[in-house]
Protein backbone atom coordinates (compact mmCIF):
# COMPACT_ATOMS: atom_id res chain seq x y z
CA MET A 1 -80.71 10.22 -15.95
CA ALA A 2 -80.27 8.96 -12.42
CA TRP A 3 -83.66 7.28 -10.13
CA ASN A 4 -84.08 7.49 -6.74
CA ASP A 5 -83.77 4.03 -4.03
CA GLY A 6 -88.09 3.17 -4.66
CA ALA A 7 -86.40 1.67 -8.15
CA MET A 8 -85.56 -1.10 -5.79
CA LYS A 9 -89.30 -1.33 -5.37
CA THR A 10 -89.08 -1.15 -1.52
CA GLN A 11 -92.11 -0.20 0.16
CA HIS A 12 -90.29 0.74 3.95
CA ARG A 13 -90.40 4.58 2.97
CA THR A 14 -93.83 4.59 1.40
CA ASN A 15 -94.75 2.89 4.22
CA ALA A 16 -93.21 5.39 6.92
CA LEU A 17 -95.24 8.05 5.38
CA TYR A 18 -98.55 5.92 5.67
CA PHE A 19 -97.83 5.40 9.58
CA PHE A 20 -96.04 9.15 9.80
CA ALA A 21 -99.50 10.59 8.21
CA LEU A 22 -101.68 7.93 10.95
CA SER A 23 -99.52 9.56 13.47
CA ILE A 24 -100.62 12.46 13.55
CA ILE A 25 -103.88 12.22 12.68
CA GLY A 26 -103.96 9.82 16.00
CA LEU A 27 -102.16 13.00 17.94
CA ALA A 28 -104.61 15.86 16.69
CA THR A 29 -107.80 14.27 17.68
CA ALA A 30 -106.55 13.26 20.69
CA TRP A 31 -105.34 16.79 21.90
CA TYR A 32 -108.90 18.08 20.23
CA PHE A 33 -110.89 15.39 22.21
CA ASN A 34 -109.53 15.70 25.32
CA PHE A 35 -109.55 19.47 25.05
CA LEU A 36 -113.31 18.92 24.59
CA ALA A 37 -113.66 17.01 27.80
CA VAL A 38 -111.19 18.80 30.11
CA LEU A 39 -113.43 21.87 29.52
CA GLY A 40 -116.24 19.45 29.79
CA LYS A 41 -114.99 18.31 33.41
CA GLU A 42 -115.55 14.91 31.80
CA ASP A 43 -114.34 12.03 34.24
CA TYR A 44 -111.99 9.75 31.79
CA LEU A 45 -112.84 6.85 34.20
CA ALA A 46 -116.59 6.96 34.99
CA ASP A 47 -117.10 7.85 31.22
CA GLY A 48 -115.46 5.57 30.06
CA PHE A 49 -116.38 2.57 31.49
CA THR A 50 -120.04 3.35 32.05
CA THR A 51 -121.89 1.08 28.97
CA ASN A 52 -121.43 -1.98 27.62
CA VAL A 53 -120.18 -0.54 24.71
CA ASP A 54 -117.58 1.73 26.86
CA TRP A 55 -116.30 -1.06 27.94
CA VAL A 56 -115.79 -2.78 24.40
CA TYR A 57 -113.93 0.54 23.17
CA SER A 58 -112.05 0.63 26.36
CA LEU A 59 -110.80 -2.89 26.87
CA ASP A 60 -110.04 -3.00 23.27
CA LEU A 61 -107.66 -0.16 23.58
CA LEU A 62 -106.12 -0.99 26.55
CA ILE A 63 -105.34 -4.67 25.73
CA GLY A 64 -104.51 -3.59 22.42
CA GLY A 65 -102.37 -0.51 23.76
CA ILE A 66 -100.24 -3.69 26.28
CA ALA A 67 -99.31 -5.65 23.15
CA GLY A 68 -98.60 -2.75 21.19
CA MET A 69 -96.11 -1.85 23.79
CA SER A 70 -94.67 -5.16 24.36
CA PHE A 71 -94.20 -4.98 20.03
CA ILE A 72 -92.46 -1.48 20.94
CA VAL A 73 -90.27 -3.06 22.78
CA ILE A 74 -89.67 -6.59 21.16
CA GLU A 75 -89.53 -5.26 18.06
CA GLY A 76 -87.33 -2.47 18.57
CA ARG A 77 -84.51 -4.46 20.66
CA ARG A 78 -84.44 -6.75 17.32
CA LEU A 79 -83.88 -3.74 15.20
CA LYS A 80 -81.76 -2.07 17.57
CA MET A 81 -83.84 0.73 17.49
CA ARG A 82 -83.23 3.71 19.81
CA PHE A 83 -85.27 5.33 22.82
CA LEU A 84 -87.95 2.87 23.09
CA TRP A 85 -88.20 4.16 26.08
CA ALA A 86 -89.44 7.23 25.20
CA TYR A 87 -92.74 5.76 22.72
CA ILE A 88 -93.96 4.33 26.42
CA ALA A 89 -93.84 7.46 27.87
CA LEU A 90 -95.22 9.68 24.82
CA ALA A 91 -98.32 6.84 24.88
CA PHE A 92 -99.21 7.29 28.37
CA VAL A 93 -98.54 11.94 28.11
CA THR A 94 -100.59 11.45 24.35
CA ALA A 95 -102.11 8.92 23.13
CA PHE A 96 -101.21 5.84 21.88
CA ALA A 97 -103.17 6.16 18.53
CA PHE A 98 -99.79 8.93 17.93
CA VAL A 99 -97.14 6.86 19.51
CA PHE A 100 -97.77 3.56 17.69
CA PRO A 101 -98.28 4.98 14.35
CA LEU A 102 -94.90 6.60 15.42
CA PHE A 103 -93.12 3.80 16.42
CA LEU A 104 -93.68 1.90 12.71
CA ALA A 105 -92.88 5.12 11.26
CA MET A 106 -90.23 4.72 12.59
CA ARG A 107 -89.26 0.89 12.06
CA SER A 108 -89.97 1.40 8.48
CA LEU A 109 -87.47 3.96 8.16
CA ARG A 110 -85.58 1.42 9.93
CA LEU A 111 -85.55 -1.73 7.77
CA HIS A 112 -85.06 0.63 4.59
CA LYS A 113 -81.77 1.39 6.39
CA ILE A 114 -81.25 -2.27 7.05
CA GLU A 115 -82.19 -3.28 3.68
CA PHE A 116 -79.79 -0.76 2.06
CA ALA A 117 -77.10 -1.82 4.19
CA GLY A 118 -77.14 2.25 5.86
CA GLY A 119 -76.44 3.39 2.22
CA ARG A 120 -78.59 4.50 -0.69
CA ILE A 121 -78.90 3.33 -4.33
CA ARG A 122 -79.29 5.18 -7.18
CA ARG A 123 -79.48 4.32 -10.81
CA TYR A 124 -78.62 6.26 -13.74
CA VAL A 125 -78.96 5.84 -17.61
CA PHE A 126 -75.36 6.19 -19.97
CA ASP A 127 -75.71 5.96 -23.55
CA ASP A 128 -78.01 3.57 -23.27
CA HIS A 129 -76.52 1.50 -20.27
CA PRO A 130 -78.42 1.24 -17.24
CA VAL A 131 -76.28 1.58 -14.07
CA VAL A 132 -77.04 1.09 -10.09
CA VAL A 133 -74.87 2.69 -7.80
CA TRP A 134 -74.95 1.53 -3.94
CA VAL A 135 -73.50 4.78 -1.69
CA PRO A 136 -72.22 4.45 1.38
CA LYS A 137 -73.47 6.89 4.56
CA ASP A 138 -70.17 8.69 4.79
CA VAL A 139 -69.13 8.72 1.05
CA GLY A 140 -66.39 11.20 0.91
CA ALA A 141 -63.38 12.17 -0.66
CA ASP A 142 -61.01 9.48 -0.19
CA THR A 143 -64.22 6.83 -0.84
CA PRO A 144 -63.06 3.38 -2.76
CA VAL A 145 -64.77 2.90 -5.72
CA LEU A 146 -65.44 -0.50 -7.38
CA VAL A 147 -67.01 -0.81 -11.12
CA MET A 148 -68.34 -3.57 -11.52
CA HIS A 149 -70.19 -5.38 -14.54
CA ASP A 150 -73.30 -6.61 -15.17
CA GLY A 151 -74.88 -4.00 -12.12
CA HIS A 152 -78.84 -5.56 -12.57
CA ASN A 153 -77.79 -8.94 -10.60
CA LEU A 154 -75.66 -7.08 -8.05
CA PHE A 155 -78.43 -5.66 -5.35
CA ASP A 156 -82.00 -6.59 -6.89
CA PRO A 157 -84.08 -9.75 -7.26
CA ALA A 158 -86.25 -8.00 -9.28
CA THR A 159 -83.75 -7.07 -12.40
CA SER A 160 -81.42 -10.09 -11.68
CA THR A 161 -81.58 -12.55 -14.75
CA PHE A 162 -82.02 -15.17 -12.81
CA GLY A 163 -83.37 -13.81 -9.66
CA ALA A 164 -80.77 -13.99 -7.75
CA THR A 165 -77.94 -11.24 -6.80
CA TRP A 166 -74.54 -11.57 -5.57
CA GLY A 167 -75.47 -10.54 -2.01
CA LEU A 168 -73.55 -7.27 -2.21
CA LEU A 169 -75.62 -5.53 0.55
CA ASP A 170 -76.20 -8.52 2.58
CA ALA A 171 -72.10 -8.37 2.69
CA LEU A 172 -71.60 -4.62 3.13
CA ARG A 173 -74.66 -4.74 6.10
CA ASP A 174 -72.95 -4.71 9.68
CA ARG A 175 -73.70 -7.17 12.35
CA LYS A 176 -72.80 -8.05 15.65
CA PRO A 177 -70.91 -10.05 16.38
CA GLY A 178 -67.81 -9.79 13.91
CA GLY A 179 -69.38 -6.22 11.44
CA SER A 180 -69.93 -6.80 7.68
CA ARG A 181 -68.88 -9.03 5.74
CA ILE A 182 -67.04 -6.16 3.36
CA ARG A 183 -64.22 -4.65 6.21
CA GLY A 184 -62.20 -2.24 5.12
CA ASP A 185 -61.14 1.28 7.11
CA ARG A 186 -64.12 2.68 4.64
CA LYS A 187 -66.86 1.00 2.12
CA PRO A 188 -66.37 1.11 -1.34
CA LEU A 189 -68.64 3.45 -3.98
CA ILE A 190 -70.71 0.54 -5.40
CA ILE A 191 -70.83 0.86 -9.59
CA GLY A 192 -72.95 -1.68 -11.59
CA VAL A 193 -73.23 -1.13 -15.17
CA THR A 194 -74.39 -3.09 -17.36
CA TYR A 195 -74.09 -3.70 -21.59
CA VAL A 196 -76.19 -1.48 -23.54
CA ASP A 197 -79.71 -1.52 -23.73
CA GLY A 198 -79.66 -4.44 -20.93
CA ASP A 199 -79.70 -6.46 -24.21
CA GLY A 200 -78.17 -10.30 -23.31
CA SER A 201 -77.73 -10.70 -26.83
CA LYS A 202 -75.02 -7.72 -26.54
CA ARG A 203 -72.72 -8.64 -23.40
CA GLY A 204 -70.62 -10.88 -25.33
CA LEU A 205 -69.79 -8.18 -27.78
CA GLU A 206 -69.19 -5.44 -25.16
CA TYR A 207 -67.76 -7.70 -23.05
CA GLY A 208 -65.31 -9.30 -24.77
CA PRO A 209 -61.47 -8.51 -25.51
CA GLU A 210 -61.89 -6.13 -28.80
CA ASP A 211 -57.68 -5.94 -29.10
CA ILE A 212 -57.57 -9.37 -28.53
CA TRP A 213 -60.01 -10.79 -31.27
CA ARG A 214 -58.77 -8.41 -33.11
CA ALA A 215 -54.91 -8.93 -33.04
CA ARG A 216 -55.73 -12.63 -33.53
CA PRO A 217 -58.99 -13.18 -35.48
CA HIS A 218 -58.94 -16.72 -35.70
CA LEU A 219 -60.10 -16.65 -32.16
CA ALA A 220 -63.47 -15.54 -33.41
CA LYS A 221 -64.34 -19.20 -34.62
CA GLN A 222 -64.95 -19.97 -30.49
CA ILE A 223 -67.79 -17.00 -31.07
CA PRO A 224 -71.14 -16.97 -31.78
CA SER A 225 -71.28 -16.03 -35.61
CA GLU A 226 -73.91 -12.51 -34.41
CA TRP A 227 -70.46 -11.36 -32.56
CA ASN A 228 -68.59 -11.57 -36.34
CA THR A 229 -70.98 -9.83 -38.15
CA LYS A 230 -71.47 -7.06 -35.67
CA GLY A 231 -67.54 -6.63 -34.30
CA PRO A 232 -66.62 -6.32 -31.28
CA LEU A 233 -67.59 -3.07 -28.78
CA GLY A 234 -65.21 -3.84 -25.74
CA ASN A 235 -63.02 -0.65 -26.47
CA SER A 236 -66.02 1.49 -26.66
CA TYR A 237 -67.69 0.42 -23.47
CA HIS A 238 -64.87 0.46 -21.20
CA LYS A 239 -64.18 4.11 -22.64
CA LEU A 240 -68.01 5.07 -21.79
CA ILE A 241 -67.59 3.85 -18.36
CA ALA A 242 -63.60 5.21 -18.05
CA GLU A 243 -64.47 8.42 -19.41
CA LYS A 244 -68.01 9.21 -18.72
CA ILE A 245 -69.69 6.92 -15.82
CA LEU A 246 -66.59 6.90 -13.37
CA PRO A 247 -66.01 10.54 -13.51
CA THR A 248 -69.70 11.75 -13.68
CA ILE A 249 -70.51 9.16 -10.69
CA ALA A 250 -67.22 10.09 -8.39
CA ALA A 251 -68.00 13.70 -9.55
CA GLU A 252 -71.82 14.35 -8.04
CA PHE A 253 -70.72 12.23 -4.91
CA GLY A 254 -67.59 14.09 -4.43
CA VAL A 255 -65.04 11.33 -4.83
CA GLU A 256 -61.30 12.08 -5.90
CA LEU A 257 -60.36 9.04 -7.99
CA SER A 258 -57.07 7.34 -7.64
CA ARG A 259 -55.54 4.35 -8.91
CA GLU A 260 -54.83 2.72 -6.12
CA ARG A 261 -58.83 3.37 -4.93
CA THR A 262 -60.65 2.14 -7.80
CA ALA A 263 -61.13 -1.50 -8.73
CA MET A 264 -63.18 -3.35 -11.20
CA GLY A 265 -64.80 -6.86 -10.93
CA GLY A 266 -67.44 -8.71 -12.34
CA SER A 267 -68.09 -12.59 -12.96
CA SER A 268 -67.57 -15.03 -16.48
CA MET A 269 -67.01 -12.83 -19.48
CA GLY A 270 -67.11 -10.03 -16.75
CA ALA A 271 -64.04 -10.97 -15.30
CA LEU A 272 -62.40 -11.31 -18.37
CA THR A 273 -63.79 -7.50 -19.43
CA SER A 274 -62.11 -6.71 -15.69
CA LEU A 275 -58.66 -7.68 -16.59
CA TYR A 276 -59.20 -5.93 -20.00
CA GLY A 277 -60.55 -2.56 -18.49
CA LEU A 278 -57.23 -3.10 -16.55
CA ILE A 279 -55.54 -3.37 -19.73
CA LYS A 280 -56.92 -0.47 -21.73
CA TYR A 281 -56.88 1.67 -18.47
CA PRO A 282 -53.79 1.29 -16.13
CA GLU A 283 -53.96 4.77 -15.14
CA VAL A 284 -57.60 4.49 -13.73
CA TYR A 285 -58.04 0.55 -12.33
CA GLY A 286 -55.41 -0.51 -10.22
CA THR A 287 -57.30 -3.50 -8.96
CA ALA A 288 -59.28 -6.00 -10.83
CA LEU A 289 -61.56 -8.82 -9.05
CA ALA A 290 -62.21 -11.53 -11.74
CA TYR A 291 -64.81 -14.16 -10.26
CA SER A 292 -64.99 -18.04 -12.37
CA THR A 293 -62.75 -16.39 -15.25
CA HIS A 294 -64.33 -17.69 -18.23
CA TRP A 295 -61.03 -18.68 -19.81
CA PRO A 296 -62.25 -21.37 -21.92
CA LEU A 297 -63.25 -18.72 -24.86
CA GLY A 298 -59.58 -18.71 -26.28
CA GLY A 299 -58.16 -20.93 -23.74
CA LYS A 300 -54.54 -20.66 -23.54
CA GLU A 301 -53.82 -18.88 -26.02
CA VAL A 302 -56.23 -15.87 -25.39
CA ILE A 303 -54.74 -15.98 -21.92
CA ASP A 304 -51.62 -15.53 -23.19
CA GLU A 305 -52.42 -12.39 -24.74
CA TYR A 306 -54.03 -11.25 -21.53
CA VAL A 307 -50.83 -11.68 -19.56
CA ALA A 308 -48.58 -9.91 -21.94
CA ARG A 309 -51.09 -7.16 -22.47
CA LEU A 310 -51.57 -6.74 -18.13
CA PRO A 311 -49.41 -3.64 -16.87
CA GLU A 312 -46.33 -4.82 -15.54
CA PRO A 313 -45.80 -6.20 -11.90
CA GLY A 314 -45.58 -3.96 -8.91
CA THR A 315 -48.45 -1.52 -9.58
CA HIS A 316 -51.76 -3.36 -10.06
CA ARG A 317 -53.43 -5.92 -8.42
CA ILE A 318 -55.20 -9.16 -9.72
CA TRP A 319 -57.30 -11.83 -8.32
CA SER A 320 -58.85 -14.70 -10.45
CA ASP A 321 -60.62 -17.40 -9.00
CA GLY A 322 -62.72 -20.51 -10.33
CA GLY A 323 -65.03 -23.50 -8.63
CA THR A 324 -64.88 -26.71 -9.40
CA ILE A 325 -68.24 -28.02 -10.76
CA GLU A 326 -71.15 -26.32 -13.20
CA LEU A 327 -69.13 -24.58 -16.13
CA ASP A 328 -66.33 -23.74 -13.44
CA ALA A 329 -65.63 -27.37 -13.60
CA LEU A 330 -63.87 -27.11 -17.18
CA TYR A 331 -62.07 -24.07 -15.98
CA ALA A 332 -58.84 -25.39 -13.89
CA PRO A 333 -56.56 -26.13 -16.62
CA PHE A 334 -57.28 -22.47 -17.46
CA GLN A 335 -56.47 -21.22 -14.37
CA GLU A 336 -53.32 -23.34 -13.55
CA TYR A 337 -51.62 -22.13 -17.18
CA PHE A 338 -52.64 -18.51 -15.94
CA LYS A 339 -51.61 -18.74 -12.94
CA ALA A 340 -47.52 -19.91 -14.18
CA ARG A 341 -47.86 -17.22 -17.25
CA MET A 342 -48.40 -14.51 -14.22
CA ARG A 343 -45.12 -16.39 -12.27
CA GLU A 344 -43.39 -15.98 -15.56
CA LYS A 345 -44.31 -12.38 -15.86
CA GLY A 346 -43.38 -11.39 -12.34
CA TYR A 347 -46.37 -11.44 -10.39
CA ARG A 348 -46.05 -12.25 -6.71
CA GLU A 349 -48.52 -14.58 -5.57
CA GLY A 350 -50.41 -13.68 -2.74
CA VAL A 351 -49.28 -10.16 -2.77
CA ASP A 352 -50.57 -8.35 -6.24
CA TYR A 353 -51.60 -11.28 -7.81
CA ILE A 354 -54.66 -14.42 -6.50
CA GLU A 355 -55.73 -17.24 -7.83
CA ALA A 356 -58.07 -18.90 -5.68
CA VAL A 357 -59.61 -22.15 -6.05
CA TYR A 358 -63.35 -23.15 -3.94
CA PRO A 359 -64.00 -26.58 -4.45
CA ASN A 360 -67.55 -27.25 -4.62
CA THR A 361 -68.53 -23.99 -6.09
CA GLY A 362 -69.98 -23.26 -9.16
CA HIS A 363 -71.05 -20.89 -11.82
CA SER A 364 -73.73 -18.51 -11.02
CA GLU A 365 -74.65 -15.74 -8.51
CA LEU A 366 -75.87 -17.98 -5.95
CA TRP A 367 -71.79 -19.51 -6.11
CA TRP A 368 -70.44 -15.76 -5.99
CA ALA A 369 -72.27 -14.30 -3.34
CA GLY A 370 -71.40 -16.42 -0.65
CA ARG A 371 -67.56 -15.45 -1.63
CA VAL A 372 -67.89 -12.04 -2.76
CA GLU A 373 -66.69 -10.08 -0.22
CA HIS A 374 -63.05 -12.19 -0.03
CA PRO A 375 -61.54 -10.03 -3.25
CA ILE A 376 -63.11 -6.64 -2.59
CA ASN A 377 -61.49 -7.32 1.13
CA TRP A 378 -58.15 -7.77 -0.35
CA TRP A 379 -58.33 -4.86 -2.58
CA LEU A 380 -59.38 -3.15 0.66
CA ASP A 381 -56.34 -4.81 3.00
CA PRO A 382 -53.21 -5.43 1.35
CA ASN A 383 -52.48 -7.28 4.37
CA GLU A 384 -56.16 -9.86 3.99
CA PRO A 385 -53.82 -12.71 4.63
CA LYS A 386 -54.62 -15.90 2.10
CA SER A 387 -54.39 -19.25 1.87
CA THR A 388 -50.94 -21.39 3.21
CA PRO A 389 -49.18 -23.05 0.80
CA ASP A 390 -49.44 -25.93 2.90
CA GLU A 391 -52.94 -25.84 2.04
CA PRO A 392 -53.39 -24.00 -1.58
CA PHE A 393 -57.38 -24.40 -1.89
CA GLY A 394 -60.23 -21.34 -0.73
CA TRP A 395 -59.39 -18.92 1.35
CA VAL A 396 -58.66 -17.95 4.76
CA GLY A 397 -58.91 -14.07 4.97
CA LYS A 398 -59.72 -12.29 8.24
CA SER A 399 -62.02 -14.17 11.21
CA GLN A 400 -65.75 -12.58 11.41
CA ASP A 401 -65.70 -12.91 15.46
């Protein structure tokens, strides 16, 4: 089941319809009464400035019209709207009551386009899992696809757990100079999946590495007791995504799925389950993007299990990162251990594997929004440069100039 962009509580399209209606009324009334005035051979100048009341209405319209046309030029330039001269010209040959609402309607549509980074948002529910999708305007057969977890936190502050998003729409938005923060020849179709019923208590059940927990049951002592009684659901969660959500949405928008163009990403336990998705479906996903990977849940033992189960090097790409404050402050030794184990497995750092550290950043959407484009750009462009060996911390990437 799907919903349209209105689910994100934007009012721009509603506003546009309202102003279009006013514009049509303004045009119709101007034409009608102008027609009567011409038939009656009325004098516009004399009749418009005869009584004090006439002066009030005429000067009110004149001054308001000048201010309105100034607003059209100033606001139109700010929003990079086209054909501003046409609005001014139309005001003199039709009516300002037609032109100004028309401009406001087009402005609302422009704001809608800017707000959604030139794309559109679609919402679905698959087997009680809310799904939100950002669709690029040029979506086609070769569009890359990025599946992300905690979909409710990606785009809309109204649905986000803590009122902050990943800032993806801002990162996708074109700006001058420099263009959008998320680069690549094609912007990706982004599919945000939320755990069943949007119930946060079930997040760990679905994001947990089910096969690893079952293989090493003593790890259950490190996870909340309610997860033990209900049992892990990671396998069914990933089956739903790989075998139903992903192919259904790709088919709807004419995208031809390929491993090289398909990635999975998330943060914290969403990062762990992104790596797990690569393990479970290596034929579906070519890249895993793990932000602030929550390695303390199982520690080095669970890292060994992940690394052992990951695809052999040379066929897939993996990004993992972390900050140095808040919850991320606990991650440093595990990140180093994961880096060492990946190196032992044969992954080439900077080529098909990256472990990035972001000093003075922590564990929330506000921090991830500040670097959301880094792993995505690395996935979209394998030549995206990384930090130099002499500067191992942080992430460099291409200039925005």
